[in-house]
Amino acid sequence: YLVALVLGEAVLLGLAGALLGLALSHLLIRGVLGPLLQEALQFPRVDVPPRVMLSALGAGSLLALLAAGLPALRLIRTEVREALGQVT
């Protein structure tokens, strides 16, 4: 149960981070960098396809899950009494 909790939390944090990154990059591309690049350097309008956004969300979640793998493995091998004894 605790392993699922750790891994689930990692996936949610990875998803939240990816969503935040997508939102900030969208604001930068549409609000600041996009118009600047179009005017100053004659760049074409930058569009990010939905497939790329979904890939970014999946990659963020997967990387967070992989990063939580080692702590989850350590949690499997740790007895509750031993872990609680280290806290006090």
PDB file of N, CA and C in Angstrom:
ATOM      1  N   TYR A   1       0.816  -1.193   0.000  1.00  0.00           N
ATOM      2  CA  TYR A   1       0.000   0.000   0.000  1.00  0.00           C
ATOM      3  C   TYR A   1       0.861   1.260   0.000  1.00  0.00           C
ATOM      4  N   LEU A   2       1.905   1.274   0.812  1.00  0.00           N
ATOM      5  CA  LEU A   2       2.773   2.453   0.878  1.00  0.00           C
ATOM      6  C   LEU A   2       3.535   2.673  -0.421  1.00  0.00           C
ATOM      7  N   VAL A   3       3.913   1.583  -1.083  1.00  0.00           N
ATOM      8  CA  VAL A   3       4.632   1.701  -2.353  1.00  0.00           C
ATOM      9  C   VAL A   3       3.729   2.360  -3.384  1.00  0.00           C
ATOM     10  N   ALA A   4       2.476   1.929  -3.454  1.00  0.00           N
ATOM     11  CA  ALA A   4       1.528   2.532  -4.392  1.00  0.00           C
ATOM     12  C   ALA A   4       1.326   4.006  -4.078  1.00  0.00           C
ATOM     13  N   LEU A   5       1.318   4.341  -2.798  1.00  0.00           N
ATOM     14  CA  LEU A   5       1.164   5.731  -2.390  1.00  0.00           C
ATOM     15  C   LEU A   5       2.350   6.581  -2.858  1.00  0.00           C
ATOM     16  N   VAL A   6       3.562   6.073  -2.671  1.00  0.00           N
ATOM     17  CA  VAL A   6       4.765   6.801  -3.090  1.00  0.00           C
ATOM     18  C   VAL A   6       4.791   6.961  -4.612  1.00  0.00           C
ATOM     19  N   LEU A   7       4.511   5.882  -5.325  1.00  0.00           N
ATOM     20  CA  LEU A   7       4.544   5.945  -6.786  1.00  0.00           C
ATOM     21  C   LEU A   7       3.413   6.816  -7.335  1.00  0.00           C
ATOM     22  N   GLY A   8       2.239   6.738  -6.733  1.00  0.00           N
ATOM     23  CA  GLY A   8       1.131   7.579  -7.166  1.00  0.00           C
ATOM     24  C   GLY A   8       1.406   9.055  -6.954  1.00  0.00           C
ATOM     25  N   GLU A   9       2.007   9.364  -5.814  1.00  0.00           N
ATOM     26  CA  GLU A   9       2.368  10.748  -5.539  1.00  0.00           C
ATOM     27  C   GLU A   9       3.399  11.248  -6.547  1.00  0.00           C
ATOM     28  N   ALA A  10       4.343  10.402  -6.903  1.00  0.00           N
ATOM     29  CA  ALA A  10       5.359  10.789  -7.879  1.00  0.00           C
ATOM     30  C   ALA A  10       4.728  11.083  -9.238  1.00  0.00           C
ATOM     31  N   VAL A  11       3.795  10.247  -9.649  1.00  0.00           N
ATOM     32  CA  VAL A  11       3.131  10.468 -10.937  1.00  0.00           C
ATOM     33  C   VAL A  11       2.349  11.776 -10.913  1.00  0.00           C
ATOM     34  N   LEU A  12       1.638  12.038  -9.814  1.00  0.00           N
ATOM     35  CA  LEU A  12       0.875  13.284  -9.726  1.00  0.00           C
ATOM     36  C   LEU A  12       1.787  14.507  -9.734  1.00  0.00           C
ATOM     37  N   LEU A  13       2.907  14.426  -9.032  1.00  0.00           N
ATOM     38  CA  LEU A  13       3.851  15.551  -9.030  1.00  0.00           C
ATOM     39  C   LEU A  13       4.487  15.748 -10.406  1.00  0.00           C
ATOM     40  N   GLY A  14       4.812  14.648 -11.082  1.00  0.00           N
ATOM     41  CA  GLY A  14       5.358  14.746 -12.431  1.00  0.00           C
ATOM     42  C   GLY A  14       4.355  15.350 -13.397  1.00  0.00           C
ATOM     43  N   LEU A  15       3.111  14.944 -13.282  1.00  0.00           N
ATOM     44  CA  LEU A  15       2.055  15.487 -14.129  1.00  0.00           C
ATOM     45  C   LEU A  15       1.833  16.970 -13.843  1.00  0.00           C
ATOM     46  N   ALA A  16       1.833  17.340 -12.575  1.00  0.00           N
ATOM     47  CA  ALA A  16       1.663  18.749 -12.208  1.00  0.00           C
ATOM     48  C   ALA A  16       2.819  19.597 -12.738  1.00  0.00           C
ATOM     49  N   GLY A  17       4.034  19.083 -12.630  1.00  0.00           N
ATOM     50  CA  GLY A  17       5.191  19.808 -13.148  1.00  0.00           C
ATOM     51  C   GLY A  17       5.148  19.964 -14.654  1.00  0.00           C
ATOM     52  N   ALA A  18       4.747  18.913 -15.341  1.00  0.00           N
ATOM     53  CA  ALA A  18       4.644  18.979 -16.798  1.00  0.00           C
ATOM     54  C   ALA A  18       3.551  19.963 -17.216  1.00  0.00           C
ATOM     55  N   LEU A  19       2.419  19.945 -16.517  1.00  0.00           N
ATOM     56  CA  LEU A  19       1.340  20.895 -16.828  1.00  0.00           C
ATOM     57  C   LEU A  19       1.784  22.338 -16.596  1.00  0.00           C
ATOM     58  N   LEU A  20       2.490  22.568 -15.510  1.00  0.00           N
ATOM     59  CA  LEU A  20       2.989  23.906 -15.221  1.00  0.00           C
ATOM     60  C   LEU A  20       3.990  24.351 -16.292  1.00  0.00           C
ATOM     61  N   GLY A  21       4.876  23.452 -16.678  1.00  0.00           N
ATOM     62  CA  GLY A  21       5.843  23.769 -17.728  1.00  0.00           C
ATOM     63  C   GLY A  21       5.177  24.070 -19.060  1.00  0.00           C
ATOM     64  N   LEU A  22       4.166  23.285 -19.405  1.00  0.00           N
ATOM     65  CA  LEU A  22       3.436  23.542 -20.650  1.00  0.00           C
ATOM     66  C   LEU A  22       2.720  24.889 -20.598  1.00  0.00           C
ATOM     67  N   ALA A  23       2.095  25.194 -19.469  1.00  0.00           N
ATOM     68  CA  ALA A  23       1.376  26.464 -19.348  1.00  0.00           C
ATOM     69  C   ALA A  23       2.334  27.651 -19.456  1.00  0.00           C
ATOM     70  N   LEU A  24       3.465  27.560 -18.761  1.00  0.00           N
ATOM     71  CA  LEU A  24       4.437  28.664 -18.815  1.00  0.00           C
ATOM     72  C   LEU A  24       5.048  28.814 -20.200  1.00  0.00           C
ATOM     73  N   SER A  25       5.365  27.711 -20.840  1.00  0.00           N
ATOM     74  CA  SER A  25       5.938  27.803 -22.186  1.00  0.00           C
ATOM     75  C   SER A  25       4.917  28.348 -23.175  1.00  0.00           C
ATOM     76  N   HIS A  26       3.649  27.977 -23.009  1.00  0.00           N
ATOM     77  CA  HIS A  26       2.602  28.509 -23.880  1.00  0.00           C
ATOM     78  C   HIS A  26       2.490  30.029 -23.715  1.00  0.00           C
ATOM     79  N   LEU A  27       2.519  30.485 -22.456  1.00  0.00           N
ATOM     80  CA  LEU A  27       2.457  31.928 -22.216  1.00  0.00           C
ATOM     81  C   LEU A  27       3.659  32.653 -22.811  1.00  0.00           C
ATOM     82  N   LEU A  28       4.827  32.065 -22.683  1.00  0.00           N
ATOM     83  CA  LEU A  28       6.024  32.693 -23.250  1.00  0.00           C
ATOM     84  C   LEU A  28       5.979  32.737 -24.767  1.00  0.00           C
ATOM     85  N   ILE A  29       5.572  31.633 -25.378  1.00  0.00           N
ATOM     86  CA  ILE A  29       5.546  31.575 -26.842  1.00  0.00           C
ATOM     87  C   ILE A  29       4.491  32.524 -27.400  1.00  0.00           C
ATOM     88  N   ARG A  30       3.330  32.539 -26.792  1.00  0.00           N
ATOM     89  CA  ARG A  30       2.238  33.374 -27.299  1.00  0.00           C
ATOM     90  C   ARG A  30       2.388  34.840 -26.883  1.00  0.00           C
ATOM     91  N   GLY A  31       2.887  35.072 -25.681  1.00  0.00           N
ATOM     92  CA  GLY A  31       2.880  36.433 -25.167  1.00  0.00           C
ATOM     93  C   GLY A  31       4.152  37.223 -25.353  1.00  0.00           C
ATOM     94  N   VAL A  32       5.310  36.598 -25.198  1.00  0.00           N
ATOM     95  CA  VAL A  32       6.559  37.363 -25.175  1.00  0.00           C
ATOM     96  C   VAL A  32       7.469  36.988 -26.340  1.00  0.00           C
ATOM     97  N   LEU A  33       7.919  35.756 -26.347  1.00  0.00           N
ATOM     98  CA  LEU A  33       8.927  35.356 -27.326  1.00  0.00           C
ATOM     99  C   LEU A  33       8.389  35.250 -28.749  1.00  0.00           C
ATOM    100  N   GLY A  34       7.170  34.751 -28.890  1.00  0.00           N
ATOM    101  CA  GLY A  34       6.602  34.586 -30.230  1.00  0.00           C
ATOM    102  C   GLY A  34       6.529  35.881 -31.004  1.00  0.00           C
ATOM    103  N   PRO A  35       5.855  36.904 -30.469  1.00  0.00           N
ATOM    104  CA  PRO A  35       5.790  38.176 -31.188  1.00  0.00           C
ATOM    105  C   PRO A  35       7.161  38.819 -31.396  1.00  0.00           C
ATOM    106  N   LEU A  36       8.030  38.682 -30.414  1.00  0.00           N
ATOM    107  CA  LEU A  36       9.372  39.248 -30.546  1.00  0.00           C
ATOM    108  C   LEU A  36      10.134  38.591 -31.696  1.00  0.00           C
ATOM    109  N   LEU A  37      10.081  37.270 -31.746  1.00  0.00           N
ATOM    110  CA  LEU A  37      10.776  36.565 -32.821  1.00  0.00           C
ATOM    111  C   LEU A  37      10.142  36.838 -34.187  1.00  0.00           C
ATOM    112  N   GLN A  38       8.838  36.978 -34.225  1.00  0.00           N
ATOM    113  CA  GLN A  38       8.163  37.249 -35.490  1.00  0.00           C
ATOM    114  C   GLN A  38       8.510  38.633 -36.021  1.00  0.00           C
ATOM    115  N   GLU A  39       8.559  39.605 -35.142  1.00  0.00           N
ATOM    116  CA  GLU A  39       8.847  40.975 -35.575  1.00  0.00           C
ATOM    117  C   GLU A  39      10.325  41.189 -35.859  1.00  0.00           C
ATOM    118  N   ALA A  40      11.171  40.795 -34.945  1.00  0.00           N
ATOM    119  CA  ALA A  40      12.596  41.106 -35.052  1.00  0.00           C
ATOM    120  C   ALA A  40      13.324  40.210 -36.055  1.00  0.00           C
ATOM    121  N   LEU A  41      13.011  38.928 -36.056  1.00  0.00           N
ATOM    122  CA  LEU A  41      13.778  37.991 -36.883  1.00  0.00           C
ATOM    123  C   LEU A  41      12.960  37.347 -37.995  1.00  0.00           C
ATOM    124  N   GLN A  42      11.731  37.775 -38.159  1.00  0.00           N
ATOM    125  CA  GLN A  42      10.844  37.251 -39.203  1.00  0.00           C
ATOM    126  C   GLN A  42      10.601  35.747 -39.078  1.00  0.00           C
ATOM    127  N   PHE A  43      10.541  35.251 -37.854  1.00  0.00           N
ATOM    128  CA  PHE A  43      10.241  33.828 -37.623  1.00  0.00           C
ATOM    129  C   PHE A  43       8.773  33.569 -37.920  1.00  0.00           C
ATOM    130  N   PRO A  44       8.462  32.389 -38.396  1.00  0.00           N
ATOM    131  CA  PRO A  44       7.042  32.048 -38.545  1.00  0.00           C
ATOM    132  C   PRO A  44       6.405  31.809 -37.179  1.00  0.00           C
ATOM    133  N   ARG A  45       5.094  31.810 -37.142  1.00  0.00           N
ATOM    134  CA  ARG A  45       4.371  31.564 -35.901  1.00  0.00           C
ATOM    135  C   ARG A  45       4.668  30.143 -35.407  1.00  0.00           C
ATOM    136  N   VAL A  46       4.901  30.020 -34.115  1.00  0.00           N
ATOM    137  CA  VAL A  46       5.227  28.723 -33.524  1.00  0.00           C
ATOM    138  C   VAL A  46       3.948  28.092 -32.989  1.00  0.00           C
ATOM    139  N   ASP A  47       3.635  26.912 -33.463  1.00  0.00           N
ATOM    140  CA  ASP A  47       2.501  26.151 -32.958  1.00  0.00           C
ATOM    141  C   ASP A  47       2.989  24.827 -32.406  1.00  0.00           C
ATOM    142  N   VAL A  48       2.497  24.471 -31.248  1.00  0.00           N
ATOM    143  CA  VAL A  48       2.856  23.190 -30.635  1.00  0.00           C
ATOM    144  C   VAL A  48       1.667  22.246 -30.807  1.00  0.00           C
ATOM    145  N   PRO A  49       1.863  21.157 -31.544  1.00  0.00           N
ATOM    146  CA  PRO A  49       0.752  20.222 -31.763  1.00  0.00           C
ATOM    147  C   PRO A  49       0.325  19.540 -30.463  1.00  0.00           C
ATOM    148  N   PRO A  50      -0.953  19.182 -30.363  1.00  0.00           N
ATOM    149  CA  PRO A  50      -1.438  18.494 -29.155  1.00  0.00           C
ATOM    150  C   PRO A  50      -0.691  17.200 -28.868  1.00  0.00           C
ATOM    151  N   ARG A  51      -0.234  16.520 -29.902  1.00  0.00           N
ATOM    152  CA  ARG A  51       0.528  15.280 -29.716  1.00  0.00           C
ATOM    153  C   ARG A  51       1.812  15.537 -28.933  1.00  0.00           C
ATOM    154  N   VAL A  52       2.453  16.652 -29.204  1.00  0.00           N
ATOM    155  CA  VAL A  52       3.686  17.003 -28.496  1.00  0.00           C
ATOM    156  C   VAL A  52       3.381  17.334 -27.038  1.00  0.00           C
ATOM    157  N   MET A  53       2.273  18.026 -26.804  1.00  0.00           N
ATOM    158  CA  MET A  53       1.886  18.351 -25.426  1.00  0.00           C
ATOM    159  C   MET A  53       1.573  17.083 -24.635  1.00  0.00           C
ATOM    160  N   LEU A  54       0.859  16.159 -25.250  1.00  0.00           N
ATOM    161  CA  LEU A  54       0.560  14.892 -24.568  1.00  0.00           C
ATOM    162  C   LEU A  54       1.831  14.091 -24.306  1.00  0.00           C
ATOM    163  N   SER A  55       2.766  14.148 -25.236  1.00  0.00           N
ATOM    164  CA  SER A  55       4.049  13.459 -25.035  1.00  0.00           C
ATOM    165  C   SER A  55       4.808  14.061 -23.858  1.00  0.00           C
ATOM    166  N   ALA A  56       4.761  15.377 -23.726  1.00  0.00           N
ATOM    167  CA  ALA A  56       5.435  16.041 -22.607  1.00  0.00           C
ATOM    168  C   ALA A  56       4.799  15.645 -21.278  1.00  0.00           C
ATOM    169  N   LEU A  57       3.479  15.556 -21.243  1.00  0.00           N
ATOM    170  CA  LEU A  57       2.802  15.132 -20.020  1.00  0.00           C
ATOM    171  C   LEU A  57       3.167  13.694 -19.664  1.00  0.00           C
ATOM    172  N   GLY A  58       3.201  12.834 -20.666  1.00  0.00           N
ATOM    173  CA  GLY A  58       3.574  11.437 -20.433  1.00  0.00           C
ATOM    174  C   GLY A  58       5.018  11.300 -19.981  1.00  0.00           C
ATOM    175  N   ALA A  59       5.907  12.063 -20.613  1.00  0.00           N
ATOM    176  CA  ALA A  59       7.321  11.992 -20.246  1.00  0.00           C
ATOM    177  C   ALA A  59       7.549  12.501 -18.822  1.00  0.00           C
ATOM    178  N   GLY A  60       6.871  13.581 -18.447  1.00  0.00           N
ATOM    179  CA  GLY A  60       7.010  14.100 -17.083  1.00  0.00           C
ATOM    180  C   GLY A  60       6.538  13.101 -16.047  1.00  0.00           C
ATOM    181  N   SER A  61       5.411  12.453 -16.322  1.00  0.00           N
ATOM    182  CA  SER A  61       4.884  11.457 -15.394  1.00  0.00           C
ATOM    183  C   SER A  61       5.788  10.237 -15.318  1.00  0.00           C
ATOM    184  N   LEU A  62       6.265   9.783 -16.465  1.00  0.00           N
ATOM    185  CA  LEU A  62       7.116   8.591 -16.498  1.00  0.00           C
ATOM    186  C   LEU A  62       8.446   8.835 -15.793  1.00  0.00           C
ATOM    187  N   LEU A  63       9.052   9.978 -16.028  1.00  0.00           N
ATOM    188  CA  LEU A  63      10.328  10.281 -15.368  1.00  0.00           C
ATOM    189  C   LEU A  63      10.171  10.395 -13.855  1.00  0.00           C
ATOM    190  N   ALA A  64       9.069  10.977 -13.413  1.00  0.00           N
ATOM    191  CA  ALA A  64       8.817  11.066 -11.975  1.00  0.00           C
ATOM    192  C   ALA A  64       8.609   9.674 -11.382  1.00  0.00           C
ATOM    193  N   LEU A  65       7.917   8.815 -12.112  1.00  0.00           N
ATOM    194  CA  LEU A  65       7.703   7.438 -11.657  1.00  0.00           C
ATOM    195  C   LEU A  65       9.029   6.691 -11.552  1.00  0.00           C
ATOM    196  N   LEU A  66       9.886   6.856 -12.545  1.00  0.00           N
ATOM    197  CA  LEU A  66      11.201   6.200 -12.504  1.00  0.00           C
ATOM    198  C   LEU A  66      12.051   6.743 -11.352  1.00  0.00           C
ATOM    199  N   ALA A  67      11.970   8.051 -11.110  1.00  0.00           N
ATOM    200  CA  ALA A  67      12.752   8.643 -10.025  1.00  0.00           C
ATOM    201  C   ALA A  67      12.274   8.162  -8.660  1.00  0.00           C
ATOM    202  N   ALA A  68      11.000   7.825  -8.547  1.00  0.00           N
ATOM    203  CA  ALA A  68      10.462   7.339  -7.272  1.00  0.00           C
ATOM    204  C   ALA A  68      10.674   5.843  -7.098  1.00  0.00           C
ATOM    205  N   GLY A  69      11.188   5.175  -8.110  1.00  0.00           N
ATOM    206  CA  GLY A  69      11.371   3.726  -8.045  1.00  0.00           C
ATOM    207  C   GLY A  69      12.319   3.286  -6.948  1.00  0.00           C
ATOM    208  N   LEU A  70      13.464   3.950  -6.807  1.00  0.00           N
ATOM    209  CA  LEU A  70      14.446   3.561  -5.796  1.00  0.00           C
ATOM    210  C   LEU A  70      13.911   3.761  -4.373  1.00  0.00           C
ATOM    211  N   PRO A  71      13.314   4.911  -4.061  1.00  0.00           N
ATOM    212  CA  PRO A  71      12.723   5.029  -2.724  1.00  0.00           C
ATOM    213  C   PRO A  71      11.612   4.007  -2.477  1.00  0.00           C
ATOM    214  N   ALA A  72      10.861   3.661  -3.508  1.00  0.00           N
ATOM    215  CA  ALA A  72       9.801   2.658  -3.334  1.00  0.00           C
ATOM    216  C   ALA A  72      10.406   1.288  -3.048  1.00  0.00           C
ATOM    217  N   LEU A  73      11.502   0.962  -3.717  1.00  0.00           N
ATOM    218  CA  LEU A  73      12.176  -0.319  -3.445  1.00  0.00           C
ATOM    219  C   LEU A  73      12.725  -0.355  -2.019  1.00  0.00           C
ATOM    220  N   ARG A  74      13.277   0.753  -1.570  1.00  0.00           N
ATOM    221  CA  ARG A  74      13.773   0.812  -0.194  1.00  0.00           C
ATOM    222  C   ARG A  74      12.630   0.667   0.804  1.00  0.00           C
ATOM    223  N   LEU A  75      11.490   1.204   0.454  1.00  0.00           N
ATOM    224  CA  LEU A  75      10.326   1.102   1.328  1.00  0.00           C
ATOM    225  C   LEU A  75       9.849  -0.338   1.456  1.00  0.00           C
ATOM    226  N   ILE A  76       9.944  -1.096   0.383  1.00  0.00           N
ATOM    227  CA  ILE A  76       9.548  -2.512   0.414  1.00  0.00           C
ATOM    228  C   ILE A  76      10.418  -3.283   1.402  1.00  0.00           C
ATOM    229  N   ARG A  77      11.703  -2.954   1.430  1.00  0.00           N
ATOM    230  CA  ARG A  77      12.654  -3.704   2.259  1.00  0.00           C
ATOM    231  C   ARG A  77      12.695  -3.234   3.711  1.00  0.00           C
ATOM    232  N   THR A  78      12.045  -2.141   4.019  1.00  0.00           N
ATOM    233  CA  THR A  78      12.095  -1.577   5.365  1.00  0.00           C
ATOM    234  C   THR A  78      10.883  -2.039   6.169  1.00  0.00           C
ATOM    235  N   GLU A  79      11.136  -2.466   7.373  1.00  0.00           N
ATOM    236  CA  GLU A  79      10.038  -2.837   8.261  1.00  0.00           C
ATOM    237  C   GLU A  79       9.525  -1.584   8.951  1.00  0.00           C
ATOM    238  N   VAL A  80       8.247  -1.549   9.230  1.00  0.00           N
ATOM    239  CA  VAL A  80       7.610  -0.367   9.797  1.00  0.00           C
ATOM    240  C   VAL A  80       8.203  -0.025  11.159  1.00  0.00           C
ATOM    241  N   ARG A  81       8.423  -1.021  11.984  1.00  0.00           N
ATOM    242  CA  ARG A  81       9.000  -0.769  13.318  1.00  0.00           C
ATOM    243  C   ARG A  81      10.385  -0.123  13.200  1.00  0.00           C
ATOM    244  N   GLU A  82      11.173  -0.626  12.274  1.00  0.00           N
ATOM    245  CA  GLU A  82      12.524  -0.089  12.081  1.00  0.00           C
ATOM    246  C   GLU A  82      12.465   1.359  11.590  1.00  0.00           C
ATOM    247  N   ALA A  83      11.584   1.637  10.649  1.00  0.00           N
ATOM    248  CA  ALA A  83      11.448   2.982  10.115  1.00  0.00           C
ATOM    249  C   ALA A  83      10.969   3.948  11.176  1.00  0.00           C
ATOM    250  N   LEU A  84      10.015   3.547  11.979  1.00  0.00           N
ATOM    251  CA  LEU A  84       9.509   4.405  13.051  1.00  0.00           C
ATOM    252  C   LEU A  84      10.545   4.608  14.141  1.00  0.00           C
ATOM    253  N   GLY A  85      11.388   3.620  14.371  1.00  0.00           N
ATOM    254  CA  GLY A  85      12.435   3.740  15.353  1.00  0.00           C
ATOM    255  C   GLY A  85      13.474   4.769  14.961  1.00  0.00           C
ATOM    256  N   GLN A  86      13.692   4.967  13.662  1.00  0.00           N
ATOM    257  CA  GLN A  86      14.652   5.954  13.194  1.00  0.00           C
ATOM    258  C   GLN A  86      14.136   7.368  13.340  1.00  0.00           C
ATOM    259  N   VAL A  87      12.835   7.545  13.404  1.00  0.00           N
ATOM    260  CA  VAL A  87      12.236   8.875  13.493  1.00  0.00           C
ATOM    261  C   VAL A  87      12.387   9.451  14.890  1.00  0.00           C
ATOM    262  N   THR A  88      12.188   8.613  15.902  1.00  0.00           N
ATOM    263  CA  THR A  88      12.207   9.128  17.283  1.00  0.00           C
ATOM    264  C   THR A  88      13.584   9.315  17.824  1.00  0.00           C
TER     265      THR A  88
END
